[in-house]
Amino acid sequence: MQTNLKATAYILNRRPFRDNSFLVDVLTAEYGKFRCVARVAKQRGKILKGTLEPFVFAQAHWLEKNELHQLRAWDELERHPLNPSNLLHGLYMNELLLRLLWDQQAIDDLFQRYQRSLTHLAHEPFAVMQFELDLLHYLGHNLHYPNGIAAIDPQQPYYYRLDAGFVDRHSPNSATVVISGKLLSALHQETALDKPDLSALRRLLDQFFRYLLQGKPLHTRKLLPMMGS
């Protein structure tokens, strides 16, 4: 059965397919992530190649056909102007979503947070790491200490097993990350992080994603070796 659907959307990735068509990975709040074939043309009323790009917010119309859908229309609503540095950060966020989200599962709140992060990339250094924390939370990894902020000692380390959550003792394996009490407290209070805490959070996030991706590298992360935001 084929169904005509529509939703506001972003494109996470685009690559040539055949003739004048592309394979595009689309992200929506209601339908999550899915793949479409998009045939582009130069005439008005057709899908224009120049609008079929990442970081363009658009009204998408598609025909649902098994796993590979057919994009019928892509009407641009807004374009996020990203400079070269921010563009790489945006592509990194897109690759995380492509690699970690299940197909065709609603992501309402995460979609809004993704959109907000794109808007704030140019003027908020913490925007990328905040989105990474939002993504981890969506995937089931909540870094808020279960006993509450009053129980956190800033001078003590805390241990988080990636397959079990916070634990009392450190177990020496790749599934356990160490979080300083100072950083954990700052994340609870959502206060500004100093340079040491930002560096510690960057290492922590990289460790999380290495585990979730089973050690397979992110191509965009290689282009951002000193990424601190």
C-alpha atoms as a PDB file:
ATOM      1  CA  MET A   1       0.000   0.000   0.000  1.00  0.00           C
ATOM      2  CA  GLN A   2       1.284   3.465  -0.934  1.00  0.00           C
ATOM      3  CA  THR A   3       0.518   6.534   1.184  1.00  0.00           C
ATOM      4  CA  ASN A   4       1.037  10.231   0.472  1.00  0.00           C
ATOM      5  CA  LEU A   5       2.552  11.987   3.493  1.00  0.00           C
ATOM      6  CA  LYS A   6       3.842  15.448   4.333  1.00  0.00           C
ATOM      7  CA  ALA A   7       5.789  17.083   7.162  1.00  0.00           C
ATOM      8  CA  THR A   8       8.320  19.808   7.805  1.00  0.00           C
ATOM      9  CA  ALA A   9      11.778  18.333   7.429  1.00  0.00           C
ATOM     10  CA  TYR A  10      15.533  18.604   7.029  1.00  0.00           C
ATOM     11  CA  ILE A  11      17.868  16.622   4.797  1.00  0.00           C
ATOM     12  CA  LEU A  12      20.688  14.898   6.658  1.00  0.00           C
ATOM     13  CA  ASN A  13      22.548  13.623   3.605  1.00  0.00           C
ATOM     14  CA  ARG A  14      22.261  13.555  -0.184  1.00  0.00           C
ATOM     15  CA  ARG A  15      24.097  11.511  -2.791  1.00  0.00           C
ATOM     16  CA  PRO A  16      23.656  10.830  -6.521  1.00  0.00           C
ATOM     17  CA  PHE A  17      21.469   7.877  -7.434  1.00  0.00           C
ATOM     18  CA  ARG A  18      20.688   7.603 -11.145  1.00  0.00           C
ATOM     19  CA  ASP A  19      19.859   9.990 -13.999  1.00  0.00           C
ATOM     20  CA  ASN A  20      18.629  13.241 -12.401  1.00  0.00           C
ATOM     21  CA  SER A  21      17.819  11.700  -9.037  1.00  0.00           C
ATOM     22  CA  PHE A  22      19.369  11.542  -5.579  1.00  0.00           C
ATOM     23  CA  LEU A  23      19.098   9.369  -2.514  1.00  0.00           C
ATOM     24  CA  VAL A  24      18.265  11.667   0.399  1.00  0.00           C
ATOM     25  CA  ASP A  25      18.061  10.918   4.114  1.00  0.00           C
ATOM     26  CA  VAL A  26      15.206  12.981   5.517  1.00  0.00           C
ATOM     27  CA  LEU A  27      14.573  13.958   9.151  1.00  0.00           C
ATOM     28  CA  THR A  28      11.111  14.864  10.460  1.00  0.00           C
ATOM     29  CA  ALA A  29       9.609  15.131  13.931  1.00  0.00           C
ATOM     30  CA  GLU A  30       6.607  12.897  13.249  1.00  0.00           C
ATOM     31  CA  TYR A  31       8.211  10.168  11.129  1.00  0.00           C
ATOM     32  CA  GLY A  32      11.820  10.334  12.284  1.00  0.00           C
ATOM     33  CA  LYS A  33      14.572   9.446   9.817  1.00  0.00           C
ATOM     34  CA  PHE A  34      13.910   7.769   6.474  1.00  0.00           C
ATOM     35  CA  ARG A  35      15.346   7.513   2.966  1.00  0.00           C
ATOM     36  CA  CYS A  36      13.788   8.829  -0.247  1.00  0.00           C
ATOM     37  CA  VAL A  37      14.525   8.958  -3.938  1.00  0.00           C
ATOM     38  CA  ALA A  38      14.280  12.553  -5.156  1.00  0.00           C
ATOM     39  CA  ARG A  39      14.143  13.413  -8.840  1.00  0.00           C
ATOM     40  CA  VAL A  40      15.300  16.978  -9.470  1.00  0.00           C
ATOM     41  CA  ALA A  41      14.513  19.346 -12.319  1.00  0.00           C
ATOM     42  CA  LYS A  42      15.003  22.969 -13.324  1.00  0.00           C
ATOM     43  CA  GLN A  43      11.346  23.855 -13.907  1.00  0.00           C
ATOM     44  CA  ARG A  44       9.233  25.751 -11.432  1.00  0.00           C
ATOM     45  CA  GLY A  45       6.970  23.425  -9.480  1.00  0.00           C
ATOM     46  CA  LYS A  46       9.528  20.629  -9.448  1.00  0.00           C
ATOM     47  CA  ILE A  47      12.154  19.766  -6.824  1.00  0.00           C
ATOM     48  CA  LEU A  48      15.071  22.146  -7.348  1.00  0.00           C
ATOM     49  CA  LYS A  49      18.541  20.727  -6.754  1.00  0.00           C
ATOM     50  CA  GLY A  50      19.706  23.897  -4.977  1.00  0.00           C
ATOM     51  CA  THR A  51      17.106  23.504  -2.234  1.00  0.00           C
ATOM     52  CA  LEU A  52      17.771  19.804  -1.709  1.00  0.00           C
ATOM     53  CA  GLU A  53      20.597  20.389   0.769  1.00  0.00           C
ATOM     54  CA  PRO A  54      21.316  19.938   4.484  1.00  0.00           C
ATOM     55  CA  PHE A  55      20.291  22.769   6.830  1.00  0.00           C
ATOM     56  CA  VAL A  56      17.339  23.794   4.651  1.00  0.00           C
ATOM     57  CA  PHE A  57      14.073  23.623   6.589  1.00  0.00           C
ATOM     58  CA  ALA A  58      11.306  22.663   4.169  1.00  0.00           C
ATOM     59  CA  GLN A  59       7.824  21.288   3.709  1.00  0.00           C
ATOM     60  CA  ALA A  60       8.301  17.774   2.354  1.00  0.00           C
ATOM     61  CA  HIS A  61       5.744  15.702   0.456  1.00  0.00           C
ATOM     62  CA  TRP A  62       6.545  12.066  -0.228  1.00  0.00           C
ATOM     63  CA  LEU A  63       5.012   8.799  -1.314  1.00  0.00           C
ATOM     64  CA  GLU A  64       5.581   6.040   1.226  1.00  0.00           C
ATOM     65  CA  LYS A  65       6.759   2.922  -0.617  1.00  0.00           C
ATOM     66  CA  ASN A  66       8.160   0.122   1.540  1.00  0.00           C
ATOM     67  CA  GLU A  67      11.627   1.210   2.784  1.00  0.00           C
ATOM     68  CA  LEU A  68      12.618   3.559  -0.057  1.00  0.00           C
ATOM     69  CA  HIS A  69      10.105   6.378  -0.386  1.00  0.00           C
ATOM     70  CA  GLN A  70       9.643   8.814  -3.266  1.00  0.00           C
ATOM     71  CA  LEU A  71      10.036  12.526  -2.544  1.00  0.00           C
ATOM     72  CA  ARG A  72       7.376  14.410  -4.506  1.00  0.00           C
ATOM     73  CA  ALA A  73       7.943  18.018  -3.391  1.00  0.00           C
ATOM     74  CA  TRP A  74      10.420  19.969  -1.269  1.00  0.00           C
ATOM     75  CA  ASP A  75       9.319  23.541  -0.550  1.00  0.00           C
ATOM     76  CA  GLU A  76      11.970  25.612   1.219  1.00  0.00           C
ATOM     77  CA  LEU A  77      10.795  27.498   4.326  1.00  0.00           C
ATOM     78  CA  GLU A  78      14.061  28.610   5.921  1.00  0.00           C
ATOM     79  CA  ARG A  79      17.797  28.245   5.338  1.00  0.00           C
ATOM     80  CA  HIS A  80      20.331  28.172   8.180  1.00  0.00           C
ATOM     81  CA  PRO A  81      23.358  30.244   7.086  1.00  0.00           C
ATOM     82  CA  LEU A  82      26.418  28.396   8.422  1.00  0.00           C
ATOM     83  CA  ASN A  83      30.009  29.533   7.936  1.00  0.00           C
ATOM     84  CA  PRO A  84      32.673  26.892   7.046  1.00  0.00           C
ATOM     85  CA  SER A  85      33.498  26.076  10.688  1.00  0.00           C
ATOM     86  CA  ASN A  86      29.863  25.833  11.746  1.00  0.00           C
ATOM     87  CA  LEU A  87      29.082  23.846   8.605  1.00  0.00           C
ATOM     88  CA  LEU A  88      31.426  21.076   9.775  1.00  0.00           C
ATOM     89  CA  HIS A  89      29.771  21.054  13.181  1.00  0.00           C
ATOM     90  CA  GLY A  90      26.366  20.796  11.513  1.00  0.00           C
ATOM     91  CA  LEU A  91      27.534  17.905   9.328  1.00  0.00           C
ATOM     92  CA  TYR A  92      28.876  16.195  12.460  1.00  0.00           C
ATOM     93  CA  MET A  93      25.444  16.483  14.086  1.00  0.00           C
ATOM     94  CA  ASN A  94      23.855  15.060  10.933  1.00  0.00           C
ATOM     95  CA  GLU A  95      26.212  12.084  10.896  1.00  0.00           C
ATOM     96  CA  LEU A  96      25.415  11.308  14.532  1.00  0.00           C
ATOM     97  CA  LEU A  97      21.701  11.246  13.699  1.00  0.00           C
ATOM     98  CA  LEU A  98      22.250   9.108  10.606  1.00  0.00           C
ATOM     99  CA  ARG A  99      24.313   6.569  12.503  1.00  0.00           C
ATOM    100  CA  LEU A 100      22.419   6.385  15.801  1.00  0.00           C
ATOM    101  CA  LEU A 101      18.707   6.881  15.111  1.00  0.00           C
ATOM    102  CA  TRP A 102      16.393   4.032  14.213  1.00  0.00           C
ATOM    103  CA  ASP A 103      14.482   4.513  10.975  1.00  0.00           C
ATOM    104  CA  GLN A 104      10.913   5.807  10.988  1.00  0.00           C
ATOM    105  CA  GLN A 105      10.504   6.485  14.707  1.00  0.00           C
ATOM    106  CA  ALA A 106       9.025   9.790  15.877  1.00  0.00           C
ATOM    107  CA  ILE A 107      11.573  12.136  17.481  1.00  0.00           C
ATOM    108  CA  ASP A 108       9.419  15.187  18.286  1.00  0.00           C
ATOM    109  CA  ASP A 109      11.490  16.755  21.085  1.00  0.00           C
ATOM    110  CA  LEU A 110      14.863  15.819  19.584  1.00  0.00           C
ATOM    111  CA  PHE A 111      13.830  17.358  16.255  1.00  0.00           C
ATOM    112  CA  GLN A 112      13.094  20.665  18.004  1.00  0.00           C
ATOM    113  CA  ARG A 113      16.453  20.519  19.779  1.00  0.00           C
ATOM    114  CA  TYR A 114      18.238  19.823  16.488  1.00  0.00           C
ATOM    115  CA  GLN A 115      16.537  22.824  14.901  1.00  0.00           C
ATOM    116  CA  ARG A 116      17.433  25.027  17.877  1.00  0.00           C
ATOM    117  CA  SER A 117      21.064  23.876  17.731  1.00  0.00           C
ATOM    118  CA  LEU A 118      21.338  24.825  14.046  1.00  0.00           C
ATOM    119  CA  THR A 119      19.994  28.276  14.893  1.00  0.00           C
ATOM    120  CA  HIS A 120      22.488  28.740  17.741  1.00  0.00           C
ATOM    121  CA  LEU A 121      25.614  27.252  16.134  1.00  0.00           C
ATOM    122  CA  ALA A 122      26.982  30.602  14.993  1.00  0.00           C
ATOM    123  CA  HIS A 123      26.928  32.319  18.393  1.00  0.00           C
ATOM    124  CA  GLU A 124      26.836  29.633  21.108  1.00  0.00           C
ATOM    125  CA  PRO A 125      30.116  27.672  21.484  1.00  0.00           C
ATOM    126  CA  PHE A 126      28.380  25.011  23.604  1.00  0.00           C
ATOM    127  CA  ALA A 127      25.597  24.346  21.051  1.00  0.00           C
ATOM    128  CA  VAL A 128      27.079  21.157  19.568  1.00  0.00           C
ATOM    129  CA  MET A 129      27.861  19.510  22.899  1.00  0.00           C
ATOM    130  CA  GLN A 130      24.425  20.463  24.214  1.00  0.00           C
ATOM    131  CA  PHE A 131      22.901  18.705  21.213  1.00  0.00           C
ATOM    132  CA  GLU A 132      25.105  15.663  21.856  1.00  0.00           C
ATOM    133  CA  LEU A 133      23.800  15.562  25.439  1.00  0.00           C
ATOM    134  CA  ASP A 134      20.230  15.872  24.110  1.00  0.00           C
ATOM    135  CA  LEU A 135      20.865  12.983  21.708  1.00  0.00           C
ATOM    136  CA  LEU A 136      22.321  10.815  24.479  1.00  0.00           C
ATOM    137  CA  HIS A 137      19.280  11.552  26.625  1.00  0.00           C
ATOM    138  CA  TYR A 138      16.996  10.512  23.747  1.00  0.00           C
ATOM    139  CA  LEU A 139      19.011   7.287  23.401  1.00  0.00           C
ATOM    140  CA  GLY A 140      18.495   6.521  27.096  1.00  0.00           C
ATOM    141  CA  HIS A 141      21.663   7.929  28.680  1.00  0.00           C
ATOM    142  CA  ASN A 142      20.651  10.539  31.259  1.00  0.00           C
ATOM    143  CA  LEU A 143      23.669  12.141  32.945  1.00  0.00           C
ATOM    144  CA  HIS A 144      21.612  13.602  35.787  1.00  0.00           C
ATOM    145  CA  TYR A 145      22.729  11.857  38.971  1.00  0.00           C
ATOM    146  CA  PRO A 146      19.778   9.790  40.290  1.00  0.00           C
ATOM    147  CA  ASN A 147      20.374  10.788  43.938  1.00  0.00           C
ATOM    148  CA  GLY A 148      20.090  14.490  43.102  1.00  0.00           C
ATOM    149  CA  ILE A 149      22.535  17.364  43.049  1.00  0.00           C
ATOM    150  CA  ALA A 150      22.728  17.555  46.856  1.00  0.00           C
ATOM    151  CA  ALA A 151      24.392  14.120  46.886  1.00  0.00           C
ATOM    152  CA  ILE A 152      27.167  15.118  44.450  1.00  0.00           C
ATOM    153  CA  ASP A 153      30.610  15.756  45.948  1.00  0.00           C
ATOM    154  CA  PRO A 154      32.565  18.014  43.530  1.00  0.00           C
ATOM    155  CA  GLN A 155      35.823  16.465  44.767  1.00  0.00           C
ATOM    156  CA  GLN A 156      34.852  12.860  43.982  1.00  0.00           C
ATOM    157  CA  PRO A 157      34.732  10.860  40.734  1.00  0.00           C
ATOM    158  CA  TYR A 158      31.513   9.179  39.621  1.00  0.00           C
ATOM    159  CA  TYR A 159      31.168   6.116  37.417  1.00  0.00           C
ATOM    160  CA  TYR A 160      28.689   5.582  34.622  1.00  0.00           C
ATOM    161  CA  ARG A 161      28.360   2.206  32.938  1.00  0.00           C
ATOM    162  CA  LEU A 162      27.192   2.733  29.382  1.00  0.00           C
ATOM    163  CA  ASP A 163      25.076  -0.402  29.602  1.00  0.00           C
ATOM    164  CA  ALA A 164      23.710   0.140  33.122  1.00  0.00           C
ATOM    165  CA  GLY A 165      23.837   3.815  34.196  1.00  0.00           C
ATOM    166  CA  PHE A 166      25.496   5.162  37.349  1.00  0.00           C
ATOM    167  CA  VAL A 167      27.269   2.552  39.494  1.00  0.00           C
ATOM    168  CA  ASP A 168      28.969   2.721  42.892  1.00  0.00           C
ATOM    169  CA  ARG A 169      32.364   1.425  41.850  1.00  0.00           C
ATOM    170  CA  HIS A 170      34.617   1.630  38.843  1.00  0.00           C
ATOM    171  CA  SER A 171      34.849  -1.517  36.745  1.00  0.00           C
ATOM    172  CA  PRO A 172      37.853  -1.368  34.399  1.00  0.00           C
ATOM    173  CA  ASN A 173      36.266  -1.895  30.986  1.00  0.00           C
ATOM    174  CA  SER A 174      35.430   0.145  27.912  1.00  0.00           C
ATOM    175  CA  ALA A 175      31.768   0.409  28.941  1.00  0.00           C
ATOM    176  CA  THR A 176      32.528   2.573  32.001  1.00  0.00           C
ATOM    177  CA  VAL A 177      33.218   6.305  31.919  1.00  0.00           C
ATOM    178  CA  VAL A 178      34.478   8.422  34.792  1.00  0.00           C
ATOM    179  CA  ILE A 179      32.777  11.781  35.418  1.00  0.00           C
ATOM    180  CA  SER A 180      34.175  14.294  37.886  1.00  0.00           C
ATOM    181  CA  GLY A 181      31.802  15.512  40.568  1.00  0.00           C
ATOM    182  CA  LYS A 182      32.528  19.086  39.479  1.00  0.00           C
ATOM    183  CA  LEU A 183      31.398  18.405  35.897  1.00  0.00           C
ATOM    184  CA  LEU A 184      28.412  16.341  37.017  1.00  0.00           C
ATOM    185  CA  SER A 185      27.276  19.156  39.300  1.00  0.00           C
ATOM    186  CA  ALA A 186      27.638  21.743  36.515  1.00  0.00           C
ATOM    187  CA  LEU A 187      25.577  19.579  34.125  1.00  0.00           C
ATOM    188  CA  HIS A 188      22.861  19.260  36.768  1.00  0.00           C
ATOM    189  CA  GLN A 189      22.691  23.005  37.297  1.00  0.00           C
ATOM    190  CA  GLU A 190      23.098  23.787  33.576  1.00  0.00           C
ATOM    191  CA  THR A 191      25.696  26.408  34.457  1.00  0.00           C
ATOM    192  CA  ALA A 192      28.431  27.681  32.138  1.00  0.00           C
ATOM    193  CA  LEU A 193      31.386  25.300  31.937  1.00  0.00           C
ATOM    194  CA  ASP A 194      34.982  26.442  32.313  1.00  0.00           C
ATOM    195  CA  LYS A 195      37.736  25.254  29.948  1.00  0.00           C
ATOM    196  CA  PRO A 196      38.763  22.175  31.976  1.00  0.00           C
ATOM    197  CA  ASP A 197      35.120  21.076  32.249  1.00  0.00           C
ATOM    198  CA  LEU A 198      34.552  21.617  28.507  1.00  0.00           C
ATOM    199  CA  SER A 199      37.603  19.483  27.721  1.00  0.00           C
ATOM    200  CA  ALA A 200      36.440  16.794  30.157  1.00  0.00           C
ATOM    201  CA  LEU A 201      32.953  16.807  28.641  1.00  0.00           C
ATOM    202  CA  ARG A 202      34.412  16.528  25.123  1.00  0.00           C
ATOM    203  CA  ARG A 203      36.379  13.423  26.146  1.00  0.00           C
ATOM    204  CA  LEU A 204      33.305  11.995  27.864  1.00  0.00           C
ATOM    205  CA  LEU A 205      31.072  12.495  24.821  1.00  0.00           C
ATOM    206  CA  ASP A 206      33.650  10.973  22.494  1.00  0.00           C
ATOM    207  CA  GLN A 207      33.833   7.921  24.755  1.00  0.00           C
ATOM    208  CA  PHE A 208      30.042   7.586  24.766  1.00  0.00           C
ATOM    209  CA  PHE A 209      29.801   7.716  20.989  1.00  0.00           C
ATOM    210  CA  ARG A 210      32.714   5.322  20.442  1.00  0.00           C
ATOM    211  CA  TYR A 211      30.819   2.811  22.567  1.00  0.00           C
ATOM    212  CA  LEU A 212      27.456   3.407  20.883  1.00  0.00           C
ATOM    213  CA  LEU A 213      29.040   3.160  17.427  1.00  0.00           C
ATOM    214  CA  GLN A 214      30.992   0.043  18.449  1.00  0.00           C
ATOM    215  CA  GLY A 215      34.291   1.734  17.718  1.00  0.00           C
ATOM    216  CA  LYS A 216      33.417   2.668  14.136  1.00  0.00           C
ATOM    217  CA  PRO A 217      34.701   6.200  13.433  1.00  0.00           C
ATOM    218  CA  LEU A 218      32.622   9.199  12.449  1.00  0.00           C
ATOM    219  CA  HIS A 219      34.008  10.712   9.248  1.00  0.00           C
ATOM    220  CA  THR A 220      33.142  14.280  10.254  1.00  0.00           C
ATOM    221  CA  ARG A 221      34.746  13.852  13.693  1.00  0.00           C
ATOM    222  CA  LYS A 222      38.090  13.230  11.983  1.00  0.00           C
ATOM    223  CA  LEU A 223      37.822  16.705  10.446  1.00  0.00           C
ATOM    224  CA  LEU A 224      37.314  18.256  13.889  1.00  0.00           C
ATOM    225  CA  PRO A 225      40.211  16.833  15.952  1.00  0.00           C
ATOM    226  CA  MET A 226      40.279  19.810  18.301  1.00  0.00           C
ATOM    227  CA  MET A 227      36.508  20.220  18.541  1.00  0.00           C
ATOM    228  CA  GLY A 228      35.624  21.801  21.834  1.00  0.00           C
ATOM    229  CA  SER A 229      32.071  22.758  21.028  1.00  0.00           C
END
